[in-house]
Amino acid sequence: MKEKEGFVDYPEQQMILYVEKDDGNYGPMQTGSYISANYMDDYVYKRRNLEIDLRNQVTSGAISPIKYYMILVDLSFSELAARAHIRKSRVKKHLDPKLFGSATMEELLKYAAVFNVPIANLLQILLVKSNGSFESDFILEPKSSGIMVGQSQTSNPYVILTKIEEKSR
């Protein structure tokens, strides 16, 4: 590739290409990413629509939070089971929104580690509005078996303290 063919004006993401210089030698050239410059906005648009669709499915009870995150991070259910060190039969059970409440605190901690989110994010969706106020939408109600969820306001108006406890058996 010639030097002038490799140039992409995209300062947000730079990369190094080895190209043929005008003098016939090959060498490094700093340029923008062609894929980011031409396709990033389409990816962001599709990703945002996927998140909105999945959020609506979670809040309507069509899918469990585990399935929500599994789709977002693009894992198969076998990969999720292997990474979380949970039997496939248990993972399959937790993908069903009606059986999600049977997950133990230990299992939820493993899922949260795999998805790289706080455990509270498996149990709530926070919607932040641009006018400064926010709403919380619970996925798992405190009456569900196995887990109790409590929230309290903190001195910081943007932070809610969420306590998750496993019911004693």
Protein backbone atom coordinates (compact mmCIF):
# COMPACT_ATOMS: atom_id res chain seq x y z
CA MET A 1 0.00 0.00 0.00
CA LYS A 2 1.26 3.46 -0.86
CA GLU A 3 1.55 6.14 1.80
CA LYS A 4 -1.23 8.34 0.39
CA GLU A 5 -3.62 5.33 0.14
CA GLY A 6 -3.10 4.51 3.82
CA PHE A 7 -3.98 7.91 5.21
CA VAL A 8 -7.33 8.10 7.08
CA ASP A 9 -8.34 11.31 8.84
CA TYR A 10 -9.66 9.96 12.17
CA PRO A 11 -7.74 11.39 15.15
CA GLU A 12 -9.92 9.60 17.76
CA GLN A 13 -8.23 6.26 17.03
CA GLN A 14 -4.75 6.20 15.62
CA MET A 15 -2.73 3.25 14.41
CA ILE A 16 0.59 2.47 12.73
CA LEU A 17 0.71 1.05 9.21
CA TYR A 18 3.79 -0.03 7.31
CA VAL A 19 3.49 1.46 3.85
CA GLU A 20 5.58 2.15 0.78
CA LYS A 21 6.97 5.68 1.07
CA ASP A 22 7.35 8.05 -1.86
CA ASP A 23 11.06 7.20 -2.10
CA GLY A 24 10.31 3.46 -2.57
CA ASN A 25 11.28 2.35 0.97
CA TYR A 26 8.87 0.78 3.43
CA GLY A 27 8.31 2.30 6.82
CA PRO A 28 5.81 3.14 9.57
CA MET A 29 3.09 5.74 9.12
CA GLN A 30 0.65 6.98 11.75
CA THR A 31 -2.92 7.19 10.50
CA GLY A 32 -6.51 6.90 11.65
CA SER A 33 -8.43 3.64 11.78
CA TYR A 34 -10.43 3.03 8.59
CA ILE A 35 -12.97 0.78 10.33
CA SER A 36 -13.53 3.22 13.19
CA ALA A 37 -13.84 6.16 10.82
CA ASN A 38 -16.38 4.43 8.57
CA TYR A 39 -18.27 1.93 10.73
CA MET A 40 -18.07 2.96 14.41
CA ASP A 41 -21.24 5.06 14.38
CA ASP A 42 -23.20 2.15 12.88
CA TYR A 43 -21.83 -0.21 15.54
CA VAL A 44 -22.72 2.21 18.37
CA TYR A 45 -26.23 2.68 16.95
CA LYS A 46 -26.84 -1.08 16.70
CA ARG A 47 -25.33 -1.73 20.13
CA ARG A 48 -27.54 0.92 21.74
CA ASN A 49 -30.66 -0.51 20.09
CA LEU A 50 -29.68 -4.00 21.28
CA GLU A 51 -29.27 -2.73 24.85
CA ILE A 52 -32.66 -0.97 24.75
CA ASP A 53 -34.37 -4.08 23.37
CA LEU A 54 -32.74 -6.35 25.96
CA ARG A 55 -33.57 -3.91 28.78
CA ASN A 56 -37.22 -3.93 27.72
CA GLN A 57 -37.18 -7.74 27.66
CA VAL A 58 -35.66 -7.89 31.16
CA THR A 59 -38.11 -5.40 32.66
CA SER A 60 -41.07 -7.16 31.03
CA GLY A 61 -39.92 -10.54 32.42
CA ALA A 62 -39.18 -12.10 29.04
CA ILE A 63 -35.50 -12.80 29.85
CA SER A 64 -33.43 -13.00 33.02
CA PRO A 65 -30.61 -10.58 33.88
CA ILE A 66 -28.14 -13.41 33.28
CA LYS A 67 -29.35 -13.79 29.70
CA TYR A 68 -29.29 -9.98 29.30
CA TYR A 69 -25.59 -9.78 30.16
CA MET A 70 -24.76 -13.02 28.35
CA ILE A 71 -26.06 -11.53 25.09
CA LEU A 72 -24.42 -8.14 25.71
CA VAL A 73 -20.96 -9.65 26.22
CA ASP A 74 -21.55 -12.14 23.38
CA LEU A 75 -21.10 -15.40 25.30
CA SER A 76 -22.73 -18.73 24.58
CA PHE A 77 -24.36 -20.45 27.52
CA SER A 78 -21.57 -23.10 27.50
CA GLU A 79 -18.90 -20.39 27.64
CA LEU A 80 -20.72 -18.68 30.50
CA ALA A 81 -20.95 -21.94 32.45
CA ALA A 82 -17.23 -22.62 31.95
CA ARG A 83 -16.13 -19.11 32.92
CA ALA A 84 -18.41 -18.93 35.97
CA HIS A 85 -17.57 -22.50 37.07
CA ILE A 86 -21.29 -23.29 37.34
CA ARG A 87 -22.89 -26.45 35.94
CA LYS A 88 -24.58 -25.98 32.56
CA SER A 89 -27.88 -27.20 33.99
CA ARG A 90 -27.79 -24.45 36.66
CA VAL A 91 -26.89 -21.76 34.10
CA LYS A 92 -29.71 -22.92 31.86
CA LYS A 93 -32.06 -22.65 34.84
CA HIS A 94 -30.89 -19.09 35.62
CA LEU A 95 -31.50 -18.00 32.02
CA ASP A 96 -35.22 -18.55 32.64
CA PRO A 97 -36.67 -15.42 34.31
CA LYS A 98 -39.06 -17.53 36.41
CA LEU A 99 -36.18 -19.56 37.86
CA PHE A 100 -33.63 -16.75 38.21
CA GLY A 101 -34.62 -16.28 41.88
CA SER A 102 -33.21 -19.72 42.70
CA ALA A 103 -29.65 -18.47 42.12
CA THR A 104 -27.53 -18.40 45.26
CA MET A 105 -25.45 -15.42 46.32
CA GLU A 106 -22.30 -17.38 45.43
CA GLU A 107 -23.59 -17.99 41.90
CA LEU A 108 -24.57 -14.34 41.46
CA LEU A 109 -21.07 -13.31 42.54
CA LYS A 110 -19.59 -15.65 39.92
CA TYR A 111 -21.85 -14.24 37.20
CA ALA A 112 -20.99 -10.67 38.20
CA ALA A 113 -17.28 -11.50 37.98
CA VAL A 114 -17.68 -12.99 34.50
CA PHE A 115 -19.70 -10.00 33.27
CA ASN A 116 -17.37 -7.57 35.07
CA VAL A 117 -20.24 -5.71 36.74
CA PRO A 118 -21.15 -5.09 40.38
CA ILE A 119 -23.51 -7.73 41.72
CA ALA A 120 -26.18 -5.04 42.22
CA ASN A 121 -26.35 -4.60 38.44
CA LEU A 122 -27.71 -8.13 38.16
CA LEU A 123 -30.67 -7.04 40.27
CA GLN A 124 -31.48 -3.55 39.05
CA ILE A 125 -31.35 -1.26 36.07
CA LEU A 126 -30.50 2.37 36.70
CA LEU A 127 -31.80 4.84 34.17
CA VAL A 128 -30.05 8.20 34.34
CA LYS A 129 -31.93 11.15 32.90
CA SER A 130 -30.23 14.22 31.49
CA ASN A 131 -32.17 16.59 33.79
CA GLY A 132 -30.30 15.20 36.80
CA SER A 133 -32.89 12.85 38.27
CA PHE A 134 -32.72 9.07 37.99
CA GLU A 135 -35.05 6.12 38.37
CA SER A 136 -34.30 2.60 39.50
CA ASP A 137 -36.20 -0.30 38.02
CA PHE A 138 -35.92 -3.51 40.04
CA ILE A 139 -35.65 -6.78 38.20
CA LEU A 140 -35.74 -8.97 41.26
CA GLU A 141 -38.28 -8.06 43.94
CA PRO A 142 -37.32 -8.58 47.62
CA LYS A 143 -40.04 -11.25 47.97
CA SER A 144 -38.21 -13.57 45.54
CA SER A 145 -36.85 -16.70 47.13
CA GLY A 146 -33.20 -16.80 48.05
CA ILE A 147 -32.30 -13.11 47.94
CA MET A 148 -33.33 -9.94 49.76
CA VAL A 149 -32.62 -6.55 48.20
CA GLY A 150 -32.71 -3.26 50.10
CA GLN A 151 -31.90 0.24 48.92
CA SER A 152 -31.27 3.45 50.79
CA GLN A 153 -30.44 6.98 49.67
CA THR A 154 -26.97 8.27 50.49
CA SER A 155 -25.80 11.85 51.00
CA ASN A 156 -24.73 11.86 47.36
CA PRO A 157 -27.91 12.34 45.27
CA TYR A 158 -26.44 10.25 42.44
CA VAL A 159 -25.56 7.19 44.54
CA ILE A 160 -27.92 4.59 45.96
CA LEU A 161 -26.65 2.06 48.48
CA THR A 162 -27.89 -1.43 47.56
CA LYS A 163 -27.64 -4.23 50.12
CA ILE A 164 -28.10 -7.77 48.86
CA GLU A 165 -28.47 -10.56 51.39
CA GLU A 166 -29.10 -14.24 51.01
CA LYS A 167 -32.01 -15.41 53.14
CA SER A 168 -31.07 -17.91 55.81
CA ARG A 169 -32.41 -21.33 55.03
